[in-house]
Amino acid sequence: MRKSLGTVASASMIMFALIAVLFMKDIAVASASATIAVDPKLGGKAPGELYSVDITIFEVTKLVLWEFNLTFNTAVLEVQSVTEGPFLKQAGNTIMPNPVLNNTAGFALATCSLFSMVGPGANGDGVLATVVFRVRAEGSSPLHFSELDKRWPYTWDGTTLVSIAYEAVDGVFSYPVEVAHDVAVEDIVVSSLAVAAGETVSVNVTLMNRGNATESFGVTLYYGSMVIGAQTVANLIADRSRTLVFEWKTEHVAAGDYVLTAIADAVYGEATTLDNTFSFAAVKVTEPAPAFPIELLGLAVAIVGLVFVDVILFRRRSRSKTDLF
């Protein structure tokens, strides 16, 4: 009985915390940042069909509680449900009150928390929730994160909830829908502009999704016409960038100036590919510093040894002559 009462009390406290979050104004903000986004950013279905979007989070640290208020055009959409995604559950058991679905004002308000906020929380990227709409009519509707409350993701500092700084990326429903595919290489940054052959150069390549659909694609980095390496960018949402790190090992690279070029593979339906290639000013590779030849080292040791032996013999001979007199 005591255990049951304790469980009820814990659940009541969490429900109180979830409700209280909606009214707290003076709350600390963590310095780490995250991104909350509607995925897909652009999509659509015919009237009468169901249309669903994921509410995703990226690069979050120690998440223990989230909430969002997604607004929409009621002439085009009506919200049917909001269900919890798998991301927060990876950190433990969760509790999610019934979401507030308002098809008159046009918003879906949802909140979810870990049952116990004591712990590491959830880290990384994942899906917080899935929102399902029914399409009422052709047209367009922003899927907008309301800015009335800017404290959606939270962590726990041991004594209180702390809001995590974040960026919100809205979505758009449109039918008929026009999807634009466009990925680009935006920048290359190297750890050094001049290295001796044999040293390693770290190369950061920044990619951008300039379209309105989530994309996955390959990226290859070259020095001159030679391949340094290839990596894959997975599930890059619209209007977001990602940086890949390549390690250029120059052991077998001849001395010279080398232009670094990164090329992003064209994605399906991409019409503009000029921005898929980016070249960086030359990195100079020089001859390595000459190593001391091992043969000379051996010869030097032998000479020192002979001199040492000669000195010892000379002293002994000198001592012998002294003893005779």
C-alpha atoms as a PDB file:
ATOM      1  CA  MET A   1       0.000   0.000   0.000  1.00  0.00           C
ATOM      2  CA  ARG A   2       2.832   2.369   0.913  1.00  0.00           C
ATOM      3  CA  LYS A   3       4.560   1.559  -2.392  1.00  0.00           C
ATOM      4  CA  SER A   4       1.366   2.348  -4.312  1.00  0.00           C
ATOM      5  CA  LEU A   5       0.951   5.634  -2.478  1.00  0.00           C
ATOM      6  CA  GLY A   6       4.591   6.467  -3.198  1.00  0.00           C
ATOM      7  CA  THR A   7       4.117   5.771  -6.905  1.00  0.00           C
ATOM      8  CA  VAL A   8       0.978   7.909  -7.006  1.00  0.00           C
ATOM      9  CA  ALA A   9       2.775  10.694  -5.172  1.00  0.00           C
ATOM     10  CA  SER A  10       5.727  10.573  -7.613  1.00  0.00           C
ATOM     11  CA  ALA A  11       3.401  10.660 -10.610  1.00  0.00           C
ATOM     12  CA  SER A  12       1.460  13.544  -9.083  1.00  0.00           C
ATOM     13  CA  MET A  13       4.663  15.516  -8.543  1.00  0.00           C
ATOM     14  CA  ILE A  14       5.720  14.964 -12.160  1.00  0.00           C
ATOM     15  CA  MET A  15       2.275  16.011 -13.432  1.00  0.00           C
ATOM     16  CA  PHE A  16       2.527  19.128 -11.277  1.00  0.00           C
ATOM     17  CA  ALA A  17       5.977  19.868 -12.742  1.00  0.00           C
ATOM     18  CA  LEU A  18       4.678  19.433 -16.282  1.00  0.00           C
ATOM     19  CA  ILE A  19       1.794  21.823 -15.660  1.00  0.00           C
ATOM     20  CA  ALA A  20       3.966  24.283 -13.735  1.00  0.00           C
ATOM     21  CA  VAL A  21       6.386  24.505 -16.656  1.00  0.00           C
ATOM     22  CA  LEU A  22       3.677  26.207 -18.680  1.00  0.00           C
ATOM     23  CA  PHE A  23       3.501  29.086 -16.206  1.00  0.00           C
ATOM     24  CA  MET A  24       7.126  29.550 -15.140  1.00  0.00           C
ATOM     25  CA  LYS A  25       8.691  32.713 -16.532  1.00  0.00           C
ATOM     26  CA  ASP A  26      11.945  33.169 -14.611  1.00  0.00           C
ATOM     27  CA  ILE A  27      13.936  30.026 -15.335  1.00  0.00           C
ATOM     28  CA  ALA A  28      17.612  29.467 -16.019  1.00  0.00           C
ATOM     29  CA  VAL A  29      18.735  28.767 -19.571  1.00  0.00           C
ATOM     30  CA  ALA A  30      21.501  26.243 -20.327  1.00  0.00           C
ATOM     31  CA  SER A  31      24.278  27.404 -22.654  1.00  0.00           C
ATOM     32  CA  ALA A  32      24.219  24.297 -24.858  1.00  0.00           C
ATOM     33  CA  SER A  33      21.995  24.618 -27.937  1.00  0.00           C
ATOM     34  CA  ALA A  34      19.733  22.221 -29.811  1.00  0.00           C
ATOM     35  CA  THR A  35      17.488  22.285 -32.885  1.00  0.00           C
ATOM     36  CA  ILE A  36      13.786  21.373 -32.896  1.00  0.00           C
ATOM     37  CA  ALA A  37      12.300  20.853 -36.354  1.00  0.00           C
ATOM     38  CA  VAL A  38       9.245  19.711 -38.280  1.00  0.00           C
ATOM     39  CA  ASP A  39      10.119  16.793 -40.567  1.00  0.00           C
ATOM     40  CA  PRO A  40       9.416  16.832 -43.437  1.00  0.00           C
ATOM     41  CA  LYS A  41       9.795  20.562 -43.747  1.00  0.00           C
ATOM     42  CA  LEU A  42       7.504  20.570 -46.794  1.00  0.00           C
ATOM     43  CA  GLY A  43       4.887  18.001 -47.700  1.00  0.00           C
ATOM     44  CA  GLY A  44       1.272  17.495 -48.596  1.00  0.00           C
ATOM     45  CA  LYS A  45      -1.612  15.080 -49.136  1.00  0.00           C
ATOM     46  CA  ALA A  46      -4.933  15.288 -50.950  1.00  0.00           C
ATOM     47  CA  PRO A  47      -8.067  16.404 -49.068  1.00  0.00           C
ATOM     48  CA  GLY A  48      -9.512  13.619 -46.917  1.00  0.00           C
ATOM     49  CA  GLU A  49      -6.143  11.918 -46.416  1.00  0.00           C
ATOM     50  CA  LEU A  50      -4.023  11.826 -43.259  1.00  0.00           C
ATOM     51  CA  TYR A  51      -0.773  13.762 -43.169  1.00  0.00           C
ATOM     52  CA  SER A  52       1.821  13.199 -40.428  1.00  0.00           C
ATOM     53  CA  VAL A  53       4.976  15.019 -39.390  1.00  0.00           C
ATOM     54  CA  ASP A  54       7.684  14.165 -36.871  1.00  0.00           C
ATOM     55  CA  ILE A  55       8.841  16.675 -34.298  1.00  0.00           C
ATOM     56  CA  THR A  56      12.592  16.054 -34.252  1.00  0.00           C
ATOM     57  CA  ILE A  57      15.411  17.261 -32.051  1.00  0.00           C
ATOM     58  CA  PHE A  58      19.107  17.491 -32.889  1.00  0.00           C
ATOM     59  CA  GLU A  59      22.305  17.884 -30.860  1.00  0.00           C
ATOM     60  CA  VAL A  60      20.597  17.988 -27.473  1.00  0.00           C
ATOM     61  CA  THR A  61      22.313  17.138 -24.195  1.00  0.00           C
ATOM     62  CA  LYS A  62      20.708  15.746 -21.020  1.00  0.00           C
ATOM     63  CA  LEU A  63      17.111  16.222 -22.119  1.00  0.00           C
ATOM     64  CA  VAL A  64      14.596  15.326 -19.386  1.00  0.00           C
ATOM     65  CA  LEU A  65      11.455  17.174 -20.498  1.00  0.00           C
ATOM     66  CA  TRP A  66      10.088  18.654 -23.714  1.00  0.00           C
ATOM     67  CA  GLU A  67       7.036  20.605 -24.791  1.00  0.00           C
ATOM     68  CA  PHE A  68       5.899  22.291 -27.986  1.00  0.00           C
ATOM     69  CA  ASN A  69       2.920  24.236 -29.303  1.00  0.00           C
ATOM     70  CA  LEU A  70       2.484  23.675 -33.044  1.00  0.00           C
ATOM     71  CA  THR A  71       0.049  25.996 -34.837  1.00  0.00           C
ATOM     72  CA  PHE A  72      -1.647  25.406 -38.210  1.00  0.00           C
ATOM     73  CA  ASN A  73      -4.262  26.735 -40.642  1.00  0.00           C
ATOM     74  CA  THR A  74      -7.648  25.262 -39.664  1.00  0.00           C
ATOM     75  CA  ALA A  75      -9.078  25.913 -43.130  1.00  0.00           C
ATOM     76  CA  VAL A  76      -6.635  23.353 -44.552  1.00  0.00           C
ATOM     77  CA  LEU A  77      -5.811  20.968 -41.688  1.00  0.00           C
ATOM     78  CA  GLU A  78      -7.327  19.536 -38.549  1.00  0.00           C
ATOM     79  CA  VAL A  79      -5.132  17.817 -35.977  1.00  0.00           C
ATOM     80  CA  GLN A  80      -6.025  14.230 -35.077  1.00  0.00           C
ATOM     81  CA  SER A  81      -3.375  13.098 -32.599  1.00  0.00           C
ATOM     82  CA  VAL A  82       0.041  13.656 -31.040  1.00  0.00           C
ATOM     83  CA  THR A  83       1.945  10.525 -29.984  1.00  0.00           C
ATOM     84  CA  GLU A  84       5.279  10.260 -28.221  1.00  0.00           C
ATOM     85  CA  GLY A  85       8.337   9.341 -30.270  1.00  0.00           C
ATOM     86  CA  PRO A  86      11.180   7.032 -29.159  1.00  0.00           C
ATOM     87  CA  PHE A  87      13.856   9.619 -28.317  1.00  0.00           C
ATOM     88  CA  LEU A  88      13.146  10.504 -24.682  1.00  0.00           C
ATOM     89  CA  LYS A  89      12.234   6.893 -23.858  1.00  0.00           C
ATOM     90  CA  GLN A  90      15.837   5.818 -24.435  1.00  0.00           C
ATOM     91  CA  ALA A  91      16.721   7.563 -21.162  1.00  0.00           C
ATOM     92  CA  GLY A  92      14.037   5.843 -19.081  1.00  0.00           C
ATOM     93  CA  ASN A  93      10.306   5.588 -18.447  1.00  0.00           C
ATOM     94  CA  THR A  94       8.295   8.625 -19.519  1.00  0.00           C
ATOM     95  CA  ILE A  95       4.990  10.256 -18.686  1.00  0.00           C
ATOM     96  CA  MET A  96       2.963  12.197 -21.259  1.00  0.00           C
ATOM     97  CA  PRO A  97      -0.302  13.931 -20.354  1.00  0.00           C
ATOM     98  CA  ASN A  98      -3.034  14.028 -22.978  1.00  0.00           C
ATOM     99  CA  PRO A  99      -2.111  16.672 -25.552  1.00  0.00           C
ATOM    100  CA  VAL A 100      -4.333  19.704 -26.096  1.00  0.00           C
ATOM    101  CA  LEU A 101      -5.718  19.555 -29.650  1.00  0.00           C
ATOM    102  CA  ASN A 102      -7.637  22.652 -30.722  1.00  0.00           C
ATOM    103  CA  ASN A 103      -9.092  22.678 -34.233  1.00  0.00           C
ATOM    104  CA  THR A 104     -10.826  26.008 -33.672  1.00  0.00           C
ATOM    105  CA  ALA A 105      -7.794  28.096 -32.710  1.00  0.00           C
ATOM    106  CA  GLY A 106      -5.488  25.788 -34.660  1.00  0.00           C
ATOM    107  CA  PHE A 107      -2.842  24.422 -32.322  1.00  0.00           C
ATOM    108  CA  ALA A 108      -1.500  21.186 -30.825  1.00  0.00           C
ATOM    109  CA  LEU A 109       0.134  21.517 -27.400  1.00  0.00           C
ATOM    110  CA  ALA A 110       2.079  18.528 -26.053  1.00  0.00           C
ATOM    111  CA  THR A 111       4.398  17.867 -23.114  1.00  0.00           C
ATOM    112  CA  CYS A 112       6.433  14.821 -22.070  1.00  0.00           C
ATOM    113  CA  SER A 113       8.880  14.115 -19.221  1.00  0.00           C
ATOM    114  CA  LEU A 114      11.065  11.374 -17.862  1.00  0.00           C
ATOM    115  CA  PHE A 115       9.356   9.693 -14.903  1.00  0.00           C
ATOM    116  CA  SER A 116      12.540  10.297 -12.907  1.00  0.00           C
ATOM    117  CA  MET A 117      14.552  13.384 -13.780  1.00  0.00           C
ATOM    118  CA  VAL A 118      17.570  12.160 -11.823  1.00  0.00           C
ATOM    119  CA  GLY A 119      19.919  10.693 -14.399  1.00  0.00           C
ATOM    120  CA  PRO A 120      21.846  11.478 -17.589  1.00  0.00           C
ATOM    121  CA  GLY A 121      18.773  12.299 -19.681  1.00  0.00           C
ATOM    122  CA  ALA A 122      18.586  11.769 -23.443  1.00  0.00           C
ATOM    123  CA  ASN A 123      21.432  12.870 -25.716  1.00  0.00           C
ATOM    124  CA  GLY A 124      21.868  13.301 -29.459  1.00  0.00           C
ATOM    125  CA  ASP A 125      19.244  13.293 -32.212  1.00  0.00           C
ATOM    126  CA  GLY A 126      15.823  11.710 -32.485  1.00  0.00           C
ATOM    127  CA  VAL A 127      12.043  11.965 -32.779  1.00  0.00           C
ATOM    128  CA  LEU A 128      10.184  13.581 -29.880  1.00  0.00           C
ATOM    129  CA  ALA A 129       6.655  13.095 -31.204  1.00  0.00           C
ATOM    130  CA  THR A 130       4.508  12.459 -34.277  1.00  0.00           C
ATOM    131  CA  VAL A 131       1.618  14.764 -35.131  1.00  0.00           C
ATOM    132  CA  VAL A 132      -1.166  13.477 -37.410  1.00  0.00           C
ATOM    133  CA  PHE A 133      -3.504  15.797 -39.318  1.00  0.00           C
ATOM    134  CA  ARG A 134      -6.484  15.200 -41.564  1.00  0.00           C
ATOM    135  CA  VAL A 135      -6.436  17.311 -44.711  1.00  0.00           C
ATOM    136  CA  ARG A 136      -9.579  19.413 -44.997  1.00  0.00           C
ATOM    137  CA  ALA A 137      -8.908  21.233 -48.255  1.00  0.00           C
ATOM    138  CA  GLU A 138      -6.299  22.087 -50.832  1.00  0.00           C
ATOM    139  CA  GLY A 139      -4.019  24.955 -49.929  1.00  0.00           C
ATOM    140  CA  SER A 140      -1.092  25.679 -47.670  1.00  0.00           C
ATOM    141  CA  SER A 141      -0.552  25.878 -43.939  1.00  0.00           C
ATOM    142  CA  PRO A 142       2.502  26.879 -41.909  1.00  0.00           C
ATOM    143  CA  LEU A 143       3.360  24.312 -39.238  1.00  0.00           C
ATOM    144  CA  HIS A 144       4.738  26.840 -36.815  1.00  0.00           C
ATOM    145  CA  PHE A 145       6.267  26.467 -33.371  1.00  0.00           C
ATOM    146  CA  SER A 146       4.511  29.126 -31.328  1.00  0.00           C
ATOM    147  CA  GLU A 147       6.874  31.690 -29.815  1.00  0.00           C
ATOM    148  CA  LEU A 148       4.622  32.434 -26.851  1.00  0.00           C
ATOM    149  CA  ASP A 149       6.831  30.178 -24.756  1.00  0.00           C
ATOM    150  CA  LYS A 150      10.516  29.792 -25.660  1.00  0.00           C
ATOM    151  CA  ARG A 151      11.376  27.161 -23.034  1.00  0.00           C
ATOM    152  CA  TRP A 152      10.480  23.888 -24.747  1.00  0.00           C
ATOM    153  CA  PRO A 153      13.412  21.528 -24.049  1.00  0.00           C
ATOM    154  CA  TYR A 154      14.673  21.157 -20.474  1.00  0.00           C
ATOM    155  CA  THR A 155      17.473  19.549 -18.540  1.00  0.00           C
ATOM    156  CA  TRP A 156      17.813  19.012 -14.788  1.00  0.00           C
ATOM    157  CA  ASP A 157      20.700  20.546 -12.825  1.00  0.00           C
ATOM    158  CA  GLY A 158      20.060  18.544  -9.634  1.00  0.00           C
ATOM    159  CA  THR A 159      17.702  21.039  -8.025  1.00  0.00           C
ATOM    160  CA  THR A 160      15.561  22.597 -10.751  1.00  0.00           C
ATOM    161  CA  LEU A 161      14.569  22.459 -14.402  1.00  0.00           C
ATOM    162  CA  VAL A 162      16.881  24.389 -16.716  1.00  0.00           C
ATOM    163  CA  SER A 163      15.731  25.449 -20.175  1.00  0.00           C
ATOM    164  CA  ILE A 164      17.990  24.350 -23.048  1.00  0.00           C
ATOM    165  CA  ALA A 165      18.733  27.012 -25.654  1.00  0.00           C
ATOM    166  CA  TYR A 166      17.462  25.944 -29.068  1.00  0.00           C
ATOM    167  CA  GLU A 167      16.591  26.933 -32.622  1.00  0.00           C
ATOM    168  CA  ALA A 168      13.147  26.110 -34.053  1.00  0.00           C
ATOM    169  CA  VAL A 169      12.699  25.105 -37.714  1.00  0.00           C
ATOM    170  CA  ASP A 170       9.065  25.316 -38.882  1.00  0.00           C
ATOM    171  CA  GLY A 171       7.416  23.222 -41.563  1.00  0.00           C
ATOM    172  CA  VAL A 172       4.909  23.872 -44.342  1.00  0.00           C
ATOM    173  CA  PHE A 173       1.962  21.811 -45.571  1.00  0.00           C
ATOM    174  CA  SER A 174       1.046  22.416 -49.200  1.00  0.00           C
ATOM    175  CA  TYR A 175      -1.146  20.611 -51.687  1.00  0.00           C
ATOM    176  CA  PRO A 176      -0.331  20.366 -54.505  1.00  0.00           C
ATOM    177  CA  VAL A 177       3.237  20.229 -53.177  1.00  0.00           C
ATOM    178  CA  GLU A 178       6.418  21.345 -54.921  1.00  0.00           C
ATOM    179  CA  VAL A 179       9.511  19.740 -53.433  1.00  0.00           C
ATOM    180  CA  ALA A 180      12.907  21.333 -54.076  1.00  0.00           C
ATOM    181  CA  HIS A 181      16.101  19.256 -53.756  1.00  0.00           C
ATOM    182  CA  ASP A 182      19.385  21.115 -53.363  1.00  0.00           C
ATOM    183  CA  VAL A 183      22.461  20.169 -51.339  1.00  0.00           C
ATOM    184  CA  ALA A 184      25.713  22.129 -51.311  1.00  0.00           C
ATOM    185  CA  VAL A 185      29.272  22.204 -49.990  1.00  0.00           C
ATOM    186  CA  GLU A 186      29.601  25.498 -48.134  1.00  0.00           C
ATOM    187  CA  ASP A 187      33.098  25.568 -46.676  1.00  0.00           C
ATOM    188  CA  ILE A 188      36.394  23.784 -46.102  1.00  0.00           C
ATOM    189  CA  VAL A 189      38.587  24.529 -43.081  1.00  0.00           C
ATOM    190  CA  VAL A 190      42.029  22.944 -42.572  1.00  0.00           C
ATOM    191  CA  SER A 191      44.104  22.574 -39.431  1.00  0.00           C
ATOM    192  CA  SER A 192      47.274  23.805 -41.185  1.00  0.00           C
ATOM    193  CA  LEU A 193      48.173  25.480 -44.479  1.00  0.00           C
ATOM    194  CA  ALA A 194      51.697  24.011 -44.551  1.00  0.00           C
ATOM    195  CA  VAL A 195      52.833  20.591 -43.349  1.00  0.00           C
ATOM    196  CA  ALA A 196      55.819  18.313 -43.767  1.00  0.00           C
ATOM    197  CA  ALA A 197      55.149  15.078 -45.614  1.00  0.00           C
ATOM    198  CA  GLY A 198      54.130  12.446 -43.074  1.00  0.00           C
ATOM    199  CA  GLU A 199      52.045  14.802 -40.937  1.00  0.00           C
ATOM    200  CA  THR A 200      48.229  14.647 -40.717  1.00  0.00           C
ATOM    201  CA  VAL A 201      45.920  17.509 -41.722  1.00  0.00           C
ATOM    202  CA  SER A 202      42.399  17.708 -40.243  1.00  0.00           C
ATOM    203  CA  VAL A 203      39.902  18.957 -42.811  1.00  0.00           C
ATOM    204  CA  ASN A 204      36.399  20.144 -41.825  1.00  0.00           C
ATOM    205  CA  VAL A 205      33.877  20.104 -44.678  1.00  0.00           C
ATOM    206  CA  THR A 206      30.554  21.895 -44.095  1.00  0.00           C
ATOM    207  CA  LEU A 207      27.485  20.736 -46.034  1.00  0.00           C
ATOM    208  CA  MET A 208      24.143  22.550 -46.361  1.00  0.00           C
ATOM    209  CA  ASN A 209      20.661  21.423 -47.351  1.00  0.00           C
ATOM    210  CA  ARG A 210      19.298  24.361 -49.341  1.00  0.00           C
ATOM    211  CA  GLY A 211      16.168  22.515 -50.463  1.00  0.00           C
ATOM    212  CA  ASN A 212      12.968  21.795 -48.557  1.00  0.00           C
ATOM    213  CA  ALA A 213      13.205  18.003 -48.194  1.00  0.00           C
ATOM    214  CA  THR A 214      15.327  15.869 -45.849  1.00  0.00           C
ATOM    215  CA  GLU A 215      18.316  14.477 -47.767  1.00  0.00           C
ATOM    216  CA  SER A 216      20.999  11.785 -47.470  1.00  0.00           C
ATOM    217  CA  PHE A 217      24.042  11.885 -49.765  1.00  0.00           C
ATOM    218  CA  GLY A 218      27.724  11.065 -50.115  1.00  0.00           C
ATOM    219  CA  VAL A 219      30.659  13.479 -49.897  1.00  0.00           C
ATOM    220  CA  THR A 220      34.159  12.882 -51.301  1.00  0.00           C
ATOM    221  CA  LEU A 221      37.258  14.958 -50.491  1.00  0.00           C
ATOM    222  CA  TYR A 222      40.214  15.190 -52.899  1.00  0.00           C
ATOM    223  CA  TYR A 223      43.739  16.619 -52.899  1.00  0.00           C
ATOM    224  CA  GLY A 224      44.403  17.390 -56.514  1.00  0.00           C
ATOM    225  CA  SER A 225      42.887  14.382 -58.309  1.00  0.00           C
ATOM    226  CA  MET A 226      43.576  11.946 -55.458  1.00  0.00           C
ATOM    227  CA  VAL A 227      40.897  10.841 -52.990  1.00  0.00           C
ATOM    228  CA  ILE A 228      41.434  11.629 -49.309  1.00  0.00           C
ATOM    229  CA  GLY A 229      38.220   9.931 -48.197  1.00  0.00           C
ATOM    230  CA  ALA A 230      34.456   9.605 -48.578  1.00  0.00           C
ATOM    231  CA  GLN A 231      31.675   9.910 -46.003  1.00  0.00           C
ATOM    232  CA  THR A 232      27.878   9.905 -45.930  1.00  0.00           C
ATOM    233  CA  VAL A 233      25.574  12.647 -44.687  1.00  0.00           C
ATOM    234  CA  ALA A 234      22.401  10.989 -43.390  1.00  0.00           C
ATOM    235  CA  ASN A 235      19.015  12.654 -42.898  1.00  0.00           C
ATOM    236  CA  LEU A 236      20.050  16.293 -43.191  1.00  0.00           C
ATOM    237  CA  ILE A 237      16.883  18.331 -42.772  1.00  0.00           C
ATOM    238  CA  ALA A 238      16.107  21.418 -44.844  1.00  0.00           C
ATOM    239  CA  ASP A 239      17.917  24.670 -44.026  1.00  0.00           C
ATOM    240  CA  ARG A 240      20.423  22.892 -41.794  1.00  0.00           C
ATOM    241  CA  SER A 241      24.161  22.322 -42.119  1.00  0.00           C
ATOM    242  CA  ARG A 242      26.473  19.541 -40.966  1.00  0.00           C
ATOM    243  CA  THR A 243      30.258  19.383 -40.716  1.00  0.00           C
ATOM    244  CA  LEU A 244      32.260  16.273 -41.592  1.00  0.00           C
ATOM    245  CA  VAL A 245      35.840  15.790 -40.388  1.00  0.00           C
ATOM    246  CA  PHE A 246      38.395  14.158 -42.704  1.00  0.00           C
ATOM    247  CA  GLU A 247      41.954  13.202 -41.737  1.00  0.00           C
ATOM    248  CA  TRP A 248      44.449  13.682 -44.580  1.00  0.00           C
ATOM    249  CA  LYS A 249      47.514  11.512 -43.926  1.00  0.00           C
ATOM    250  CA  THR A 250      50.420  12.793 -46.038  1.00  0.00           C
ATOM    251  CA  GLU A 251      53.015  10.001 -45.574  1.00  0.00           C
ATOM    252  CA  HIS A 252      53.168   9.187 -49.286  1.00  0.00           C
ATOM    253  CA  VAL A 253      52.355  12.629 -50.672  1.00  0.00           C
ATOM    254  CA  ALA A 254      55.049  14.314 -52.769  1.00  0.00           C
ATOM    255  CA  ALA A 255      56.097  17.841 -51.881  1.00  0.00           C
ATOM    256  CA  GLY A 256      53.976  20.486 -53.586  1.00  0.00           C
ATOM    257  CA  ASP A 257      50.896  22.713 -53.355  1.00  0.00           C
ATOM    258  CA  TYR A 258      47.570  20.856 -53.348  1.00  0.00           C
ATOM    259  CA  VAL A 259      44.061  22.246 -53.846  1.00  0.00           C
ATOM    260  CA  LEU A 260      41.480  20.475 -51.665  1.00  0.00           C
ATOM    261  CA  THR A 261      38.112  19.871 -53.307  1.00  0.00           C
ATOM    262  CA  ALA A 262      34.944  18.500 -51.707  1.00  0.00           C
ATOM    263  CA  ILE A 263      32.148  17.143 -53.911  1.00  0.00           C
ATOM    264  CA  ALA A 264      28.646  16.308 -52.662  1.00  0.00           C
ATOM    265  CA  ASP A 265      26.770  13.690 -54.678  1.00  0.00           C
ATOM    266  CA  ALA A 266      23.702  15.041 -56.451  1.00  0.00           C
ATOM    267  CA  VAL A 267      20.450  13.928 -54.796  1.00  0.00           C
ATOM    268  CA  TYR A 268      17.425  12.686 -56.695  1.00  0.00           C
ATOM    269  CA  GLY A 269      15.613  15.560 -58.388  1.00  0.00           C
ATOM    270  CA  GLU A 270      18.410  18.091 -57.826  1.00  0.00           C
ATOM    271  CA  ALA A 271      18.460  20.583 -60.687  1.00  0.00           C
ATOM    272  CA  THR A 272      21.296  22.866 -59.564  1.00  0.00           C
ATOM    273  CA  THR A 273      24.609  21.096 -58.877  1.00  0.00           C
ATOM    274  CA  LEU A 274      27.138  23.927 -59.261  1.00  0.00           C
ATOM    275  CA  ASP A 275      27.162  24.383 -55.483  1.00  0.00           C
ATOM    276  CA  ASN A 276      27.853  20.670 -54.937  1.00  0.00           C
ATOM    277  CA  THR A 277      31.589  21.340 -55.443  1.00  0.00           C
ATOM    278  CA  PHE A 278      33.823  23.537 -53.292  1.00  0.00           C
ATOM    279  CA  SER A 279      37.600  24.018 -53.599  1.00  0.00           C
ATOM    280  CA  PHE A 280      39.988  25.350 -50.982  1.00  0.00           C
ATOM    281  CA  ALA A 281      43.204  27.305 -51.567  1.00  0.00           C
ATOM    282  CA  ALA A 282      46.292  25.119 -51.784  1.00  0.00           C
ATOM    283  CA  VAL A 283      47.850  23.372 -48.807  1.00  0.00           C
ATOM    284  CA  LYS A 284      51.645  23.204 -49.046  1.00  0.00           C
ATOM    285  CA  VAL A 285      53.320  19.859 -48.393  1.00  0.00           C
ATOM    286  CA  THR A 286      57.091  20.094 -47.885  1.00  0.00           C
ATOM    287  CA  GLU A 287      59.835  17.492 -47.773  1.00  0.00           C
ATOM    288  CA  PRO A 288      60.199  15.955 -44.323  1.00  0.00           C
ATOM    289  CA  ALA A 289      63.198  16.957 -42.224  1.00  0.00           C
ATOM    290  CA  PRO A 290      66.156  14.673 -43.062  1.00  0.00           C
ATOM    291  CA  ALA A 291      66.603  11.863 -40.602  1.00  0.00           C
ATOM    292  CA  PHE A 292      70.057  11.036 -39.269  1.00  0.00           C
ATOM    293  CA  PRO A 293      71.215   7.956 -41.274  1.00  0.00           C
ATOM    294  CA  ILE A 294      71.405   4.858 -39.119  1.00  0.00           C
ATOM    295  CA  GLU A 295      74.652   3.864 -40.835  1.00  0.00           C
ATOM    296  CA  LEU A 296      76.304   7.107 -39.724  1.00  0.00           C
ATOM    297  CA  LEU A 297      74.984   6.599 -36.221  1.00  0.00           C
ATOM    298  CA  GLY A 298      76.536   3.141 -36.101  1.00  0.00           C
ATOM    299  CA  LEU A 299      79.827   4.471 -37.449  1.00  0.00           C
ATOM    300  CA  ALA A 300      79.841   7.246 -34.850  1.00  0.00           C
ATOM    301  CA  VAL A 301      79.264   4.733 -32.060  1.00  0.00           C
ATOM    302  CA  ALA A 302      82.084   2.546 -33.407  1.00  0.00           C
ATOM    303  CA  ILE A 303      84.487   5.492 -33.567  1.00  0.00           C
ATOM    304  CA  VAL A 304      83.649   6.574 -30.037  1.00  0.00           C
ATOM    305  CA  GLY A 305      84.182   3.013 -28.874  1.00  0.00           C
ATOM    306  CA  LEU A 306      87.585   2.763 -30.582  1.00  0.00           C
ATOM    307  CA  VAL A 307      88.668   6.099 -29.116  1.00  0.00           C
ATOM    308  CA  PHE A 308      87.587   4.949 -25.676  1.00  0.00           C
ATOM    309  CA  VAL A 309      89.498   1.685 -25.995  1.00  0.00           C
ATOM    310  CA  ASP A 310      92.560   3.537 -27.307  1.00  0.00           C
ATOM    311  CA  VAL A 311      92.494   5.915 -24.330  1.00  0.00           C
ATOM    312  CA  ILE A 312      92.309   3.002 -21.892  1.00  0.00           C
ATOM    313  CA  LEU A 313      95.216   1.206 -23.561  1.00  0.00           C
ATOM    314  CA  PHE A 314      97.246   4.423 -23.632  1.00  0.00           C
ATOM    315  CA  ARG A 315      96.743   4.920 -19.892  1.00  0.00           C
ATOM    316  CA  ARG A 316      97.731   1.354 -19.166  1.00  0.00           C
ATOM    317  CA  ARG A 317     100.895   1.689 -21.240  1.00  0.00           C
ATOM    318  CA  SER A 318     101.719   4.950 -19.466  1.00  0.00           C
ATOM    319  CA  ARG A 319     101.265   3.276 -16.086  1.00  0.00           C
ATOM    320  CA  SER A 320     103.503   0.365 -17.081  1.00  0.00           C
ATOM    321  CA  LYS A 321     106.355   2.696 -18.076  1.00  0.00           C
ATOM    322  CA  THR A 322     106.055   4.576 -14.792  1.00  0.00           C
ATOM    323  CA  ASP A 323     106.272   1.348 -12.767  1.00  0.00           C
ATOM    324  CA  LEU A 324     109.535   0.377 -14.563  1.00  0.00           C
ATOM    325  CA  PHE A 325     111.270   3.536 -13.362  1.00  0.00           C
END
